[in-house]
Amino acid sequence: MELSAGVSKQDIREQIWDYMESQNLADFPRPVHHRIPNFKGSYLACQNIKDLEVFARMQEVKVDPDKPLEGVRLLALQSRKTLLVPTPRLRTGLFNKITPPPGATKDILRKCATSQVVDIPEALLEDHDLTVDYILTPTRVIATGCERPKPAGIIWSKISCEMMEKIPVLRSLRSREKQAGKDVSLQDEPRDLDASRLQTAPLRALRGPQALPLATQREDVPADTVYVGNLPRDAQVSELKTALRARGAAPLRLSWQGPQRRAFLHYPDAASAQQAVSCLQDLRLGANSLRVALARQQRPSDLVDTRPGEPHPNRRPAVADL
């Protein structure tokens, strides 16, 4: 397959997928676009792994859960090796471990159809790309001889806040590396603010006299408090909690004042509160666009309800447990 000038990695994927479909080179599932193709002869390609010396001496094998890799997973178990299979979308951890692992290996094995083997320009490789040492096809074993260094660990600058929310294990790993003094700034967060506490802090609502002692003067309001206004009349605490977590801005605790259609979010410090305000811009709950800002920047009337017949917020504001 010839590559034209200026081709991208996605262009290469599309060309291969189109070729495999046009030549009927794939088995179920079809079509192969946007997936790891289960090519015809994949089981034969798996058998070639038995001839590799590195496979014979390794005790632990990591194999992705894709359909064309079934043969490798079976061979690993038949060879009494430890099998590590990534969990779906890493939601519950990094790997499912099958048999106790006595050790580990750094050799990386992949297999594919011969029609998928393409030399790509060096310029397309980025610092997060993981190169392979061997390529297994139904007809041959290819030692790549690639000397490019493999990435070590997680490159946090490639990870978004949304990804952090979807993959819980990343939050745990990030916390460990942060404690070790590593730079764990994410792709879409300000580098000078500490967002990790927003991602991992439990969300609790305050009850009774523990709630924020709201004052009539804005300068008396803590700088770590965020005001959320224009809540729907029938809004529930759980709905706001879900929306906050989806934006990666869960506070340490939450003061709920549903009858006044507002809530107050309490963060570890002023910087965390300011970042939360940025994350929550354009936030909607139902049909309502919420008003989000630092509490001390609000008018006194936004902080204290003086309408006749309404309870004063300093007198046990209505809240709910999350």
Protein backbone atom coordinates (compact mmCIF):
# COMPACT_ATOMS: atom_id res chain seq x y z
CA MET A 1 0.00 0.00 0.00
CA GLU A 2 1.48 3.32 -1.06
CA LEU A 3 1.13 6.29 1.24
CA SER A 4 0.66 9.74 -0.18
CA ALA A 5 2.42 12.82 1.14
CA GLY A 6 0.79 14.44 4.14
CA VAL A 7 -1.05 11.25 5.15
CA SER A 8 -2.23 10.99 8.75
CA LYS A 9 -2.57 7.96 11.01
CA GLN A 10 -6.33 8.11 10.63
CA ASP A 11 -5.93 8.17 6.83
CA ILE A 12 -3.89 4.96 7.06
CA ARG A 13 -6.51 3.29 9.22
CA GLU A 14 -9.27 4.25 6.80
CA GLN A 15 -7.32 2.91 3.80
CA ILE A 16 -6.71 -0.44 5.49
CA TRP A 17 -10.30 -0.78 6.66
CA ASP A 18 -11.58 0.00 3.16
CA TYR A 19 -9.16 -2.52 1.62
CA MET A 20 -10.10 -5.30 4.02
CA GLU A 21 -13.80 -4.76 3.37
CA SER A 22 -13.40 -4.58 -0.41
CA GLN A 23 -11.32 -7.78 -0.47
CA ASN A 24 -13.54 -9.61 2.05
CA LEU A 25 -10.61 -10.25 4.37
CA ALA A 26 -12.52 -10.00 7.64
CA ASP A 27 -14.67 -12.30 9.73
CA PHE A 28 -17.35 -11.28 12.27
CA PRO A 29 -17.83 -8.57 13.45
CA ARG A 30 -18.31 -6.54 10.28
CA PRO A 31 -17.76 -3.91 9.06
CA VAL A 32 -14.21 -3.55 10.36
CA HIS A 33 -14.23 0.26 10.41
CA HIS A 34 -13.39 1.85 13.77
CA ARG A 35 -12.49 -1.47 15.40
CA ILE A 36 -9.57 -3.92 15.64
CA PRO A 37 -10.34 -6.07 12.57
CA ASN A 38 -11.02 -9.76 13.13
CA PHE A 39 -9.24 -10.79 9.95
CA LYS A 40 -9.50 -14.21 8.32
CA GLY A 41 -6.64 -16.43 9.47
CA SER A 42 -6.31 -14.66 12.81
CA TYR A 43 -6.23 -17.98 14.68
CA LEU A 44 -3.32 -19.19 12.54
CA ALA A 45 -1.50 -15.96 13.24
CA CYS A 46 -1.98 -16.61 16.95
CA GLN A 47 -0.27 -19.98 16.67
CA ASN A 48 2.96 -18.32 15.52
CA ILE A 49 3.47 -16.92 18.98
CA LYS A 50 4.51 -20.40 20.16
CA ASP A 51 7.65 -20.16 18.02
CA LEU A 52 8.88 -16.98 19.69
CA GLU A 53 11.61 -17.46 22.26
CA VAL A 54 10.36 -14.45 24.19
CA PHE A 55 6.95 -16.10 24.58
CA ALA A 56 8.53 -19.31 25.82
CA ARG A 57 10.46 -17.57 28.59
CA MET A 58 7.87 -15.04 29.70
CA GLN A 59 5.61 -15.86 32.62
CA GLU A 60 3.11 -13.02 32.27
CA VAL A 61 1.24 -12.01 29.11
CA LYS A 62 -0.98 -8.96 28.61
CA VAL A 63 -3.50 -9.52 25.80
CA ASP A 64 -6.19 -7.09 24.73
CA PRO A 65 -9.81 -8.37 24.76
CA ASP A 66 -10.34 -8.00 20.99
CA LYS A 67 -11.89 -10.88 19.03
CA PRO A 68 -8.85 -11.68 16.79
CA LEU A 69 -6.70 -12.19 19.92
CA GLU A 70 -8.71 -15.14 21.25
CA GLY A 71 -6.02 -17.58 20.10
CA VAL A 72 -3.27 -15.78 22.01
CA ARG A 73 -5.33 -15.69 25.20
CA LEU A 74 -6.01 -19.42 24.88
CA LEU A 75 -2.35 -20.25 24.24
CA ALA A 76 -1.25 -18.19 27.24
CA LEU A 77 -3.58 -20.14 29.51
CA GLN A 78 -2.65 -23.49 27.96
CA SER A 79 1.00 -22.64 28.55
CA ARG A 80 0.21 -21.97 32.23
CA LYS A 81 1.20 -18.33 31.98
CA THR A 82 -0.39 -15.46 33.85
CA LEU A 83 -2.91 -13.74 31.57
CA LEU A 84 -3.69 -10.04 32.03
CA VAL A 85 -6.67 -8.70 30.08
CA PRO A 86 -7.63 -4.98 30.28
CA THR A 87 -11.05 -4.37 31.78
CA PRO A 88 -13.68 -2.78 29.48
CA ARG A 89 -12.88 0.94 29.28
CA LEU A 90 -10.81 0.53 32.46
CA ARG A 91 -13.89 1.37 34.54
CA THR A 92 -13.16 -1.15 37.30
CA GLY A 93 -9.37 -1.25 37.16
CA LEU A 94 -6.51 -1.83 34.76
CA PHE A 95 -6.55 -5.62 34.24
CA ASN A 96 -8.39 -8.81 34.94
CA LYS A 97 -5.68 -11.16 36.24
CA ILE A 98 -5.97 -14.88 35.49
CA THR A 99 -3.62 -17.14 37.53
CA PRO A 100 -1.21 -15.60 40.07
CA PRO A 101 1.68 -13.83 38.26
CA PRO A 102 5.19 -14.91 39.33
CA GLY A 103 6.80 -12.12 37.32
CA ALA A 104 6.44 -9.65 34.47
CA THR A 105 7.83 -8.96 31.01
CA LYS A 106 8.32 -5.84 28.94
CA ASP A 107 8.23 -7.57 25.57
CA ILE A 108 5.29 -6.36 23.55
CA LEU A 109 3.49 -8.69 21.17
CA ARG A 110 0.86 -7.83 18.61
CA LYS A 111 -0.58 -9.72 15.68
CA CYS A 112 -2.41 -8.67 12.54
CA ALA A 113 -3.13 -9.65 8.96
CA THR A 114 -0.36 -9.21 6.39
CA SER A 115 -2.51 -6.63 4.59
CA GLN A 116 -2.37 -4.46 7.70
CA VAL A 117 1.44 -4.24 7.82
CA VAL A 118 2.51 -0.80 6.60
CA ASP A 119 5.68 1.23 7.14
CA ILE A 120 4.49 4.62 8.34
CA PRO A 121 6.52 7.84 8.31
CA GLU A 122 8.52 8.52 11.46
CA ALA A 123 6.97 11.98 11.59
CA LEU A 124 3.57 10.44 12.42
CA LEU A 125 4.85 8.89 15.65
CA GLU A 126 4.16 10.86 18.81
CA ASP A 127 5.54 10.55 22.33
CA HIS A 128 2.56 8.44 23.47
CA ASP A 129 2.70 5.93 20.58
CA LEU A 130 3.66 2.41 21.67
CA THR A 131 5.80 0.64 19.08
CA VAL A 132 5.87 -3.15 18.78
CA ASP A 133 8.75 -5.63 18.81
CA TYR A 134 7.08 -8.41 16.78
CA ILE A 135 4.26 -8.65 14.23
CA LEU A 136 2.53 -12.00 13.80
CA THR A 137 0.62 -12.79 10.59
CA PRO A 138 -0.86 -16.11 9.39
CA THR A 139 2.25 -16.68 7.24
CA ARG A 140 5.23 -15.15 9.06
CA VAL A 141 6.70 -13.58 12.15
CA ILE A 142 8.25 -10.14 11.67
CA ALA A 143 10.83 -8.80 14.10
CA THR A 144 10.52 -5.03 13.74
CA GLY A 145 13.90 -4.18 15.21
CA CYS A 146 12.42 -0.88 16.33
CA GLU A 147 14.75 0.99 18.68
CA ARG A 148 12.41 3.87 19.41
CA PRO A 149 12.00 4.25 23.22
CA LYS A 150 8.61 3.20 24.49
CA PRO A 151 6.59 5.62 26.63
CA ALA A 152 7.03 5.11 30.37
CA GLY A 153 3.88 5.47 32.45
CA ILE A 154 0.91 7.71 31.85
CA ILE A 155 1.33 10.95 29.92
CA TRP A 156 -1.11 13.08 31.90
CA SER A 157 -1.01 15.98 29.45
CA LYS A 158 -2.78 13.70 26.94
CA ILE A 159 -5.68 13.00 29.32
CA SER A 160 -8.77 15.20 29.52
CA CYS A 161 -10.97 15.96 32.52
CA GLU A 162 -13.76 14.02 30.78
CA MET A 163 -11.54 10.94 30.51
CA MET A 164 -10.65 11.24 34.19
CA GLU A 165 -14.35 11.19 35.03
CA LYS A 166 -15.03 8.11 32.91
CA ILE A 167 -12.03 6.03 34.11
CA PRO A 168 -11.94 5.95 37.93
CA VAL A 169 -8.62 4.10 38.13
CA LEU A 170 -6.90 7.10 36.52
CA ARG A 171 -7.86 9.24 39.49
CA SER A 172 -6.20 6.81 41.87
CA LEU A 173 -3.03 6.60 39.77
CA ARG A 174 -2.93 10.37 39.40
CA SER A 175 -3.16 10.86 43.15
CA ARG A 176 -0.22 8.52 43.71
CA GLU A 177 1.95 10.25 41.15
CA LYS A 178 1.03 13.67 42.48
CA GLN A 179 2.15 12.60 45.96
CA ALA A 180 5.41 11.43 44.40
CA GLY A 181 5.99 14.96 43.11
CA LYS A 182 5.27 14.31 39.42
CA ASP A 183 3.58 16.80 37.09
CA VAL A 184 0.03 15.46 36.64
CA SER A 185 -1.53 18.46 34.87
CA LEU A 186 -4.30 17.37 32.52
CA GLN A 187 -4.82 18.33 28.90
CA ASP A 188 -7.64 20.81 29.50
CA GLU A 189 -6.99 22.23 32.95
CA PRO A 190 -4.99 25.30 33.99
CA ARG A 191 -1.53 24.13 35.00
CA ASP A 192 -1.31 26.48 37.96
CA LEU A 193 -4.47 25.21 39.68
CA ASP A 194 -4.93 22.01 41.66
CA ALA A 195 -7.84 20.16 40.04
CA SER A 196 -7.23 16.76 41.56
CA ARG A 197 -9.15 17.63 44.69
CA LEU A 198 -12.15 18.60 42.61
CA GLN A 199 -12.04 15.24 40.87
CA THR A 200 -11.75 13.05 43.96
CA ALA A 201 -13.50 15.02 46.71
CA PRO A 202 -16.68 13.38 48.05
CA LEU A 203 -19.85 15.37 47.53
CA ARG A 204 -21.77 15.88 50.77
CA ALA A 205 -24.65 18.18 51.64
CA LEU A 206 -24.68 20.14 54.88
CA ARG A 207 -27.55 19.92 57.33
CA GLY A 208 -28.88 22.52 59.74
CA PRO A 209 -26.50 24.82 61.61
CA GLN A 210 -23.46 23.34 59.83
CA ALA A 211 -24.53 25.11 56.64
CA LEU A 212 -22.77 28.18 55.31
CA PRO A 213 -23.31 31.15 57.66
CA LEU A 214 -24.44 33.48 54.93
CA ALA A 215 -23.93 37.19 55.58
CA THR A 216 -25.31 40.36 54.12
CA GLN A 217 -21.88 41.68 53.12
CA ARG A 218 -20.11 40.05 50.19
CA GLU A 219 -16.65 40.43 51.72
CA ASP A 220 -17.82 38.24 54.59
CA VAL A 221 -18.45 35.30 52.26
CA PRO A 222 -15.54 32.80 52.05
CA ALA A 223 -13.50 32.94 48.86
CA ASP A 224 -13.75 29.15 48.49
CA THR A 225 -17.54 29.23 48.00
CA VAL A 226 -19.36 29.14 44.65
CA TYR A 227 -22.92 30.39 44.10
CA VAL A 228 -25.26 28.43 41.81
CA GLY A 229 -28.49 30.20 40.97
CA ASN A 230 -31.56 29.86 38.74
CA LEU A 231 -32.13 26.23 39.69
CA PRO A 232 -35.37 24.76 38.33
CA ARG A 233 -38.22 24.92 40.83
CA ASP A 234 -38.48 21.13 40.93
CA ALA A 235 -34.69 20.50 40.93
CA GLN A 236 -33.29 17.79 43.21
CA VAL A 237 -29.92 17.69 44.98
CA SER A 238 -29.08 14.47 43.16
CA GLU A 239 -29.53 16.16 39.78
CA LEU A 240 -27.12 18.96 40.66
CA LYS A 241 -24.66 16.48 42.12
CA THR A 242 -24.64 14.48 38.88
CA ALA A 243 -24.15 17.61 36.79
CA LEU A 244 -21.22 18.76 38.95
CA ARG A 245 -19.45 15.44 38.74
CA ALA A 246 -19.95 15.31 34.98
CA ARG A 247 -18.02 18.57 34.75
CA GLY A 248 -15.30 17.33 37.15
CA ALA A 249 -16.19 19.99 39.73
CA ALA A 250 -17.52 18.05 42.72
CA PRO A 251 -17.16 20.20 45.88
CA LEU A 252 -16.18 19.11 49.36
CA ARG A 253 -19.74 19.84 50.48
CA LEU A 254 -22.91 21.46 49.20
CA SER A 255 -25.47 23.77 50.86
CA TRP A 256 -28.84 23.26 49.19
CA GLN A 257 -31.49 26.00 49.22
CA GLY A 258 -34.02 24.59 46.79
CA PRO A 259 -36.93 26.87 47.74
CA GLN A 260 -34.71 29.84 46.91
CA ARG A 261 -33.60 28.06 43.70
CA ARG A 262 -29.93 28.24 44.61
CA ALA A 263 -27.10 26.25 46.16
CA PHE A 264 -23.63 26.99 47.53
CA LEU A 265 -20.62 24.81 46.73
CA HIS A 266 -17.71 24.66 49.17
CA TYR A 267 -14.23 23.89 47.82
CA PRO A 268 -10.84 23.35 49.53
CA ASP A 269 -9.54 26.80 48.65
CA ALA A 270 -10.12 29.90 46.54
CA ALA A 271 -8.16 28.54 43.57
CA SER A 272 -10.29 25.39 43.47
CA ALA A 273 -13.46 27.49 43.64
CA GLN A 274 -12.30 29.70 40.78
CA GLN A 275 -11.51 26.66 38.65
CA ALA A 276 -14.95 25.21 39.41
CA VAL A 277 -16.56 28.41 38.18
CA SER A 278 -14.67 28.02 34.89
CA CYS A 279 -15.67 24.34 34.55
CA LEU A 280 -19.34 25.08 35.23
CA GLN A 281 -19.91 27.85 32.71
CA ASP A 282 -22.90 27.19 30.44
CA LEU A 283 -24.14 24.53 32.87
CA ARG A 284 -27.79 23.60 32.42
CA LEU A 285 -30.22 21.70 34.61
CA GLY A 286 -33.34 20.72 32.74
CA ALA A 287 -34.43 23.74 30.68
CA ASN A 288 -32.63 26.23 32.94
CA SER A 289 -29.24 27.81 32.30
CA LEU A 290 -27.67 28.03 35.74
CA ARG A 291 -25.92 31.13 37.03
CA VAL A 292 -22.52 30.16 38.45
CA ALA A 293 -20.05 32.57 40.06
CA LEU A 294 -17.98 33.08 43.17
CA ALA A 295 -20.38 33.68 46.05
CA ARG A 296 -18.57 36.79 47.22
CA GLN A 297 -19.15 38.39 43.81
CA GLN A 298 -22.93 38.16 44.19
CA ARG A 299 -25.29 40.88 45.34
CA PRO A 300 -26.27 40.67 49.02
CA SER A 301 -29.84 39.88 47.94
CA ASP A 302 -28.54 36.74 46.19
CA LEU A 303 -26.98 35.53 49.42
CA VAL A 304 -29.73 36.33 51.93
CA ASP A 305 -33.44 35.91 51.23
CA THR A 306 -35.44 38.74 52.77
CA ARG A 307 -38.83 37.94 51.24
CA PRO A 308 -41.72 37.86 53.73
CA GLY A 309 -42.75 34.41 54.82
CA GLU A 310 -39.51 32.74 53.70
CA PRO A 311 -37.12 31.31 56.31
CA HIS A 312 -33.84 33.15 56.70
CA PRO A 313 -30.98 31.01 55.33
CA ASN A 314 -29.02 31.36 58.55
CA ARG A 315 -31.82 29.55 60.33
CA ARG A 316 -31.38 25.97 59.20
CA PRO A 317 -31.62 26.15 55.37
CA ALA A 318 -33.34 23.24 53.68
CA VAL A 319 -30.82 20.62 52.60
CA ALA A 320 -30.79 16.99 51.61
CA ASP A 321 -28.30 14.17 52.07
CA LEU A 322 -26.66 12.90 48.91
